[in-house]
Amino acid sequence: MRPISYSRASAVADAVAAVAADPTSDFLAGGTTEVDLLRQNVLLPRRLVDINDLPLTQIEDRPDGGLYIGALARMSDVAEAAAVRERYPMVAQALVLGASAQLRHMASMGGNMMQRVRCGYFRDATSPCNKRDPGSGCSALDGFNRGHAVLGVSDHCIATHPSDVAVPLMALAARIHTEGPHGRQVYPIDDFFLLPGGTPHLEHPLEHGELVVGIEVPGTLTARTSLYLKVRDRESYEFALSSVAAAVTLEDGVISDVRLALGGIATKPWRAHRAEEVLRGAPANTEIFQRAAREELAPARTTPLNAFKAELAQRTVVRALETLTTREGRS
């Protein structure tokens, strides 16, 4: 049995100072993933600083029509908030589809941004894994990798990013607010999640002791016409094989604005810039949707076991766009 010390912080500055002063310490919020990894000997902190007493549960309006969501707001509370359901339907949908009701009541929004990958080799403390033990190798490259990533991969890691709600937040160009030893930082969400490259153990640009305190979601009318579509092996609580967060504005049958991000197929929440370029200013029809999806998945790097995910992702994109544009055309 490994001894772990535990303390509770009542102020953000105290929590940051406590963790920053001890390289073997870590923050503890909902613990829905962290506790599992502790039990599996994947994470080995000697000290946990409980941050659940910090005043970071707000869901506040912003002057631009956007929202600021505190890092300790529970997933269930955010999913049920009227402002989220009305202005960002795809965020509410992703939260509901992302976990069971019990987990949603415990899991925090900040913790969701920091959750670790669901790769079985990462979670097996005896298997080589560059995320867990840099330089040891990647067991997934030649192992069972049916659920692994096909975009943003490297020779050092092909683990799929697991978050659902991070996908619509990526489409919306959210910003992640942190407090750390050097004060307040604000990260564009695309910069907050790092590609594995040659350093897959570095998943975020945060220094030790830097705490996620909030998520800023910019206001955009396009997000009101949005959805989150998730394809998985079973309908009950399960991680995505492919998912799409899509928001579209039509003017006389032409796509005037579009926000698109993909989940379940990449090493980070994936903003579909290539597809957006094809779609913006184009007529809203299936042929254009298929072309956009092919363009986005063209760089996919697959294995014999996960090659199906490239086509599945294309079909998911087309279905999401068809559903949205048909709905808006009738409104």
Protein backbone atom coordinates (compact mmCIF):
# COMPACT_ATOMS: atom_id res chain seq x y z
CA MET A 1 0.00 0.00 0.00
CA ARG A 2 1.31 3.44 -0.96
CA PRO A 3 0.77 6.23 1.59
CA ILE A 4 -0.92 9.36 0.16
CA SER A 5 -1.38 12.52 2.18
CA TYR A 6 -4.56 14.55 1.71
CA SER A 7 -5.52 18.16 2.35
CA ARG A 8 -8.36 20.51 1.38
CA ALA A 9 -7.90 24.01 0.03
CA SER A 10 -10.42 26.83 0.54
CA ALA A 11 -8.78 29.40 -1.76
CA VAL A 12 -7.38 29.13 -5.28
CA ALA A 13 -4.07 30.70 -4.24
CA ASP A 14 -3.67 28.19 -1.42
CA ALA A 15 -4.38 25.24 -3.72
CA VAL A 16 -1.90 26.47 -6.31
CA ALA A 17 0.80 27.14 -3.71
CA ALA A 18 0.35 23.70 -2.11
CA VAL A 19 0.69 21.77 -5.36
CA ALA A 20 3.38 23.99 -6.86
CA ALA A 21 5.58 23.48 -3.80
CA ASP A 22 5.53 19.69 -4.08
CA PRO A 23 6.40 17.95 -7.39
CA THR A 24 4.74 14.74 -6.13
CA SER A 25 1.36 16.40 -5.50
CA ASP A 26 -1.76 16.83 -7.62
CA PHE A 27 -5.19 18.46 -7.53
CA LEU A 28 -8.31 16.38 -6.79
CA ALA A 29 -11.74 17.46 -8.01
CA GLY A 30 -14.51 14.97 -8.84
CA GLY A 31 -11.96 12.15 -9.03
CA THR A 32 -14.02 10.09 -11.47
CA THR A 33 -10.91 9.29 -13.51
CA GLU A 34 -8.08 10.15 -11.16
CA VAL A 35 -9.12 7.70 -8.44
CA ASP A 36 -9.25 4.86 -10.98
CA LEU A 37 -5.73 5.67 -12.17
CA LEU A 38 -4.48 5.77 -8.59
CA ARG A 39 -5.89 2.32 -7.96
CA GLN A 40 -4.26 1.02 -11.14
CA ASN A 41 -0.86 2.46 -10.15
CA VAL A 42 -0.84 4.60 -13.30
CA LEU A 43 -0.72 7.84 -11.31
CA LEU A 44 1.58 7.86 -8.31
CA PRO A 45 1.16 11.15 -6.42
CA ARG A 46 2.22 11.25 -2.77
CA ARG A 47 -0.13 14.12 -1.95
CA LEU A 48 -3.62 15.13 -3.11
CA VAL A 49 -5.02 18.63 -2.65
CA ASP A 50 -8.82 18.57 -2.69
CA ILE A 51 -10.16 21.66 -4.49
CA ASN A 52 -13.90 21.02 -4.16
CA ASP A 53 -14.35 23.89 -1.65
CA LEU A 54 -13.06 26.48 -4.14
CA PRO A 55 -15.63 29.01 -5.45
CA LEU A 56 -15.44 27.81 -9.08
CA THR A 57 -18.95 26.53 -9.80
CA GLN A 58 -20.40 29.54 -11.61
CA ILE A 59 -22.16 29.60 -15.00
CA GLU A 60 -22.12 33.29 -15.93
CA ASP A 61 -23.24 35.35 -18.91
CA ARG A 62 -20.59 37.28 -20.82
CA PRO A 63 -21.12 40.67 -22.55
CA ASP A 64 -20.65 39.08 -26.00
CA GLY A 65 -23.50 36.64 -25.35
CA GLY A 66 -21.12 33.88 -24.36
CA LEU A 67 -20.65 32.05 -21.06
CA TYR A 68 -18.01 31.61 -18.42
CA ILE A 69 -18.17 28.20 -16.78
CA GLY A 70 -16.29 27.60 -13.55
CA ALA A 71 -13.93 24.65 -13.52
CA LEU A 72 -15.80 22.99 -10.63
CA ALA A 73 -19.24 23.29 -12.23
CA ARG A 74 -20.51 19.73 -12.43
CA MET A 75 -21.22 18.29 -15.85
CA SER A 76 -24.87 17.65 -14.91
CA ASP A 77 -25.41 21.26 -13.81
CA VAL A 78 -23.92 22.64 -17.03
CA ALA A 79 -25.96 20.25 -19.19
CA GLU A 80 -29.17 21.38 -17.45
CA ALA A 81 -28.44 25.12 -17.52
CA ALA A 82 -30.98 26.96 -19.66
CA ALA A 83 -28.32 29.20 -21.19
CA VAL A 84 -26.32 26.18 -22.35
CA ARG A 85 -29.32 24.30 -23.75
CA GLU A 86 -30.59 27.37 -25.63
CA ARG A 87 -27.33 28.91 -26.90
CA TYR A 88 -25.12 25.82 -27.19
CA PRO A 89 -27.26 22.69 -27.74
CA MET A 90 -24.24 20.65 -28.84
CA VAL A 91 -22.50 21.31 -25.52
CA ALA A 92 -25.50 20.12 -23.51
CA GLN A 93 -25.87 17.05 -25.74
CA ALA A 94 -22.19 16.14 -25.46
CA LEU A 95 -22.36 16.35 -21.68
CA VAL A 96 -25.38 14.05 -21.46
CA LEU A 97 -23.84 11.54 -23.89
CA GLY A 98 -20.45 11.71 -22.20
CA ALA A 99 -21.15 9.83 -18.99
CA SER A 100 -23.76 8.14 -16.82
CA ALA A 101 -25.94 10.32 -14.60
CA GLN A 102 -23.96 9.30 -11.52
CA LEU A 103 -20.66 10.34 -13.09
CA ARG A 104 -22.11 13.60 -14.43
CA HIS A 105 -23.13 14.58 -10.89
CA MET A 106 -19.54 14.09 -9.69
CA ALA A 107 -17.34 15.05 -12.65
CA SER A 108 -16.26 18.67 -13.04
CA MET A 109 -15.81 20.66 -16.24
CA GLY A 110 -12.18 21.44 -15.45
CA GLY A 111 -11.47 17.81 -14.66
CA ASN A 112 -13.00 16.81 -17.97
CA MET A 113 -10.51 19.03 -19.77
CA MET A 114 -7.67 17.32 -17.90
CA GLN A 115 -8.83 13.70 -18.11
CA ARG A 116 -6.35 11.13 -19.31
CA VAL A 117 -6.66 8.85 -22.33
CA ARG A 118 -8.60 5.60 -22.21
CA CYS A 119 -5.90 3.53 -23.96
CA GLY A 120 -5.75 0.10 -22.32
CA TYR A 121 -1.95 0.06 -22.53
CA PHE A 122 -1.73 3.41 -20.73
CA ARG A 123 -3.91 1.98 -17.96
CA ASP A 124 -1.87 -1.23 -17.70
CA ALA A 125 1.07 -0.25 -15.51
CA THR A 126 3.12 -3.20 -16.86
CA SER A 127 2.85 -2.33 -20.58
CA PRO A 128 5.30 0.01 -22.33
CA CYS A 129 3.64 3.39 -22.79
CA ASN A 130 5.29 6.66 -23.77
CA LYS A 131 2.58 8.67 -22.02
CA ARG A 132 3.10 6.95 -18.71
CA ASP A 133 6.84 6.22 -19.03
CA PRO A 134 8.50 8.43 -21.69
CA GLY A 135 10.83 6.51 -23.96
CA SER A 136 9.49 3.07 -23.08
CA GLY A 137 7.62 2.65 -26.39
CA CYS A 138 4.00 2.49 -27.53
CA SER A 139 2.34 -0.90 -27.13
CA ALA A 140 -0.70 0.24 -29.10
CA LEU A 141 1.20 0.72 -32.36
CA ASP A 142 1.36 -3.03 -32.99
CA GLY A 143 -1.22 -4.09 -30.42
CA PHE A 144 -5.00 -4.05 -30.17
CA ASN A 145 -5.73 -0.56 -31.51
CA ARG A 146 -9.27 -0.78 -32.89
CA GLY A 147 -10.38 2.24 -30.86
CA HIS A 148 -7.26 4.31 -31.35
CA ALA A 149 -6.73 7.56 -33.22
CA VAL A 150 -6.29 8.05 -36.96
CA LEU A 151 -5.65 11.82 -36.93
CA GLY A 152 -2.91 13.69 -35.09
CA VAL A 153 -0.98 10.50 -34.38
CA SER A 154 2.79 10.01 -34.18
CA ASP A 155 5.27 7.16 -34.04
CA HIS A 156 5.22 7.58 -30.26
CA CYS A 157 1.47 7.56 -29.49
CA ILE A 158 -1.89 6.84 -31.14
CA ALA A 159 -4.14 7.13 -28.07
CA THR A 160 -7.54 8.71 -28.71
CA HIS A 161 -8.60 11.72 -26.67
CA PRO A 162 -11.65 10.61 -24.65
CA SER A 163 -13.63 13.77 -23.87
CA ASP A 164 -17.02 14.39 -25.43
CA VAL A 165 -17.67 17.97 -24.30
CA ALA A 166 -14.20 19.11 -25.37
CA VAL A 167 -15.30 18.48 -28.97
CA PRO A 168 -18.05 21.16 -29.14
CA LEU A 169 -15.86 23.45 -27.06
CA MET A 170 -13.17 23.04 -29.73
CA ALA A 171 -15.70 23.87 -32.46
CA LEU A 172 -16.65 27.01 -30.53
CA ALA A 173 -13.03 28.13 -30.03
CA ALA A 174 -13.42 28.19 -26.25
CA ARG A 175 -10.67 29.52 -24.01
CA ILE A 176 -9.31 27.79 -20.92
CA HIS A 177 -8.51 29.99 -17.91
CA THR A 178 -5.91 28.90 -15.37
CA GLU A 179 -4.25 30.19 -12.21
CA GLY A 180 -0.69 29.15 -11.50
CA PRO A 181 2.54 30.12 -9.81
CA HIS A 182 2.92 32.93 -12.34
CA GLY A 183 -0.65 34.20 -12.25
CA ARG A 184 -3.57 34.06 -14.64
CA GLN A 185 -3.21 32.45 -18.06
CA VAL A 186 -5.74 32.10 -20.86
CA TYR A 187 -5.24 29.41 -23.51
CA PRO A 188 -7.11 29.06 -26.81
CA ILE A 189 -8.50 25.54 -26.57
CA ASP A 190 -6.61 24.37 -29.65
CA ASP A 191 -3.37 25.30 -27.87
CA PHE A 192 -4.50 23.78 -24.58
CA PHE A 193 -4.55 20.25 -26.04
CA LEU A 194 -1.17 19.18 -27.42
CA LEU A 195 -0.49 16.68 -30.19
CA PRO A 196 1.68 13.76 -29.04
CA GLY A 197 4.57 14.25 -31.47
CA GLY A 198 7.72 13.05 -29.76
CA THR A 199 6.51 14.06 -26.27
CA PRO A 200 3.17 12.28 -25.71
CA HIS A 201 3.54 12.56 -21.94
CA LEU A 202 2.97 16.32 -22.34
CA GLU A 203 -0.77 16.66 -22.97
CA HIS A 204 -1.16 20.33 -21.94
CA PRO A 205 1.15 23.37 -21.81
CA LEU A 206 0.59 23.78 -18.06
CA GLU A 207 3.35 23.99 -15.50
CA HIS A 208 3.15 21.98 -12.31
CA GLY A 209 0.74 23.66 -9.91
CA GLU A 210 -1.23 25.42 -12.64
CA LEU A 211 -4.95 24.94 -12.03
CA VAL A 212 -7.80 25.15 -14.55
CA VAL A 213 -10.28 27.64 -13.05
CA GLY A 214 -12.76 28.25 -15.86
CA ILE A 215 -13.86 27.82 -19.45
CA GLU A 216 -14.86 30.82 -21.56
CA VAL A 217 -17.27 30.05 -24.39
CA PRO A 218 -17.56 32.89 -26.94
CA GLY A 219 -20.99 34.03 -28.03
CA THR A 220 -22.10 33.06 -31.54
CA LEU A 221 -25.57 32.84 -33.05
CA THR A 222 -24.44 29.91 -35.20
CA ALA A 223 -24.15 27.72 -32.09
CA ARG A 224 -27.91 27.90 -31.54
CA THR A 225 -28.30 25.63 -34.56
CA SER A 226 -25.98 22.87 -33.48
CA LEU A 227 -25.82 19.22 -32.51
CA TYR A 228 -23.47 16.61 -31.15
CA LEU A 229 -23.64 13.25 -32.89
CA LYS A 230 -21.89 10.29 -31.25
CA VAL A 231 -21.36 6.82 -32.72
CA ARG A 232 -20.32 4.06 -30.31
CA ASP A 233 -20.32 0.29 -29.98
CA ARG A 234 -23.33 0.33 -27.67
CA GLU A 235 -26.03 2.86 -26.91
CA SER A 236 -25.38 2.88 -23.17
CA TYR A 237 -22.45 4.77 -21.61
CA GLU A 238 -19.49 4.18 -23.92
CA PHE A 239 -16.67 6.17 -25.51
CA ALA A 240 -17.03 7.43 -29.06
CA LEU A 241 -15.76 5.57 -32.08
CA SER A 242 -16.59 8.74 -33.97
CA SER A 243 -18.34 11.94 -32.97
CA VAL A 244 -19.10 15.30 -34.54
CA ALA A 245 -19.97 18.68 -33.06
CA ALA A 246 -21.53 20.78 -35.80
CA ALA A 247 -23.08 24.24 -35.95
CA VAL A 248 -24.39 25.74 -39.20
CA THR A 249 -26.00 28.96 -40.42
CA LEU A 250 -27.79 28.91 -43.79
CA GLU A 251 -28.71 31.84 -46.01
CA ASP A 252 -30.85 30.94 -49.02
CA GLY A 253 -29.56 27.38 -49.00
CA VAL A 254 -25.90 28.45 -48.76
CA ILE A 255 -23.70 27.80 -45.72
CA SER A 256 -22.71 31.23 -44.45
CA ASP A 257 -21.09 30.00 -41.24
CA VAL A 258 -20.04 26.59 -39.94
CA ARG A 259 -18.24 25.24 -36.89
CA LEU A 260 -17.12 21.62 -37.01
CA ALA A 261 -15.05 19.46 -34.68
CA LEU A 262 -14.47 15.71 -34.46
CA GLY A 263 -14.05 13.35 -31.54
CA GLY A 264 -13.23 9.69 -31.05
CA ILE A 265 -10.77 9.62 -33.95
CA ALA A 266 -7.89 11.92 -32.99
CA THR A 267 -5.25 12.37 -30.31
CA LYS A 268 -6.93 15.64 -29.28
CA PRO A 269 -10.35 17.22 -29.88
CA TRP A 270 -10.07 17.88 -33.61
CA ARG A 271 -11.15 21.16 -35.23
CA ALA A 272 -12.13 20.28 -38.79
CA HIS A 273 -10.58 23.29 -40.53
CA ARG A 274 -10.25 21.57 -43.92
CA ALA A 275 -13.92 20.62 -43.94
CA GLU A 276 -14.99 24.09 -42.82
CA GLU A 277 -13.13 25.67 -45.74
CA VAL A 278 -14.97 23.42 -48.19
CA LEU A 279 -18.35 24.09 -46.57
CA ARG A 280 -18.25 27.83 -45.98
CA GLY A 281 -19.98 29.62 -48.87
CA ALA A 282 -21.05 26.34 -50.52
CA PRO A 283 -24.57 25.05 -51.15
CA ALA A 284 -25.89 22.81 -48.43
CA ASN A 285 -26.15 19.43 -50.10
CA THR A 286 -24.94 15.90 -49.54
CA GLU A 287 -22.33 16.06 -52.29
CA ILE A 288 -20.62 19.03 -50.62
CA PHE A 289 -20.85 17.37 -47.22
CA GLN A 290 -19.17 14.24 -48.56
CA ARG A 291 -16.42 16.26 -50.21
CA ALA A 292 -15.77 18.17 -46.97
CA ALA A 293 -15.62 14.95 -44.96
CA ARG A 294 -13.19 13.33 -47.44
CA GLU A 295 -10.96 16.40 -47.33
CA GLU A 296 -10.79 16.35 -43.54
CA LEU A 297 -10.00 12.63 -43.30
CA ALA A 298 -7.49 12.60 -46.16
CA PRO A 299 -4.47 12.74 -43.78
CA ALA A 300 -5.77 9.84 -41.68
CA ARG A 301 -3.11 7.32 -40.67
CA THR A 302 -4.75 3.99 -39.96
CA THR A 303 -3.91 0.45 -38.90
CA PRO A 304 -5.61 -2.72 -40.15
CA LEU A 305 -7.76 -2.73 -36.99
CA ASN A 306 -8.88 0.90 -36.98
CA ALA A 307 -9.05 1.68 -40.70
CA PHE A 308 -12.86 1.57 -40.47
CA LYS A 309 -12.79 4.72 -38.34
CA ALA A 310 -11.76 6.95 -41.24
CA GLU A 311 -14.86 6.02 -43.23
CA LEU A 312 -17.04 6.03 -40.13
CA ALA A 313 -15.92 9.57 -39.32
CA GLN A 314 -16.77 10.72 -42.84
CA ARG A 315 -20.24 9.21 -42.57
CA THR A 316 -20.73 10.80 -39.16
CA VAL A 317 -19.84 14.24 -40.55
CA VAL A 318 -22.27 13.85 -43.45
CA ARG A 319 -25.09 12.64 -41.23
CA ALA A 320 -24.61 15.49 -38.76
CA LEU A 321 -24.61 18.13 -41.49
CA GLU A 322 -27.62 16.61 -43.24
CA THR A 323 -29.55 16.56 -39.98
CA LEU A 324 -28.69 20.17 -39.12
CA THR A 325 -29.31 21.72 -42.52
CA THR A 326 -32.60 19.86 -42.97
CA ARG A 327 -33.71 21.10 -39.55
CA GLU A 328 -32.72 24.70 -40.28
CA GLY A 329 -34.31 24.58 -43.73
CA ARG A 330 -37.64 23.74 -42.10
CA SER A 331 -37.40 26.44 -39.42
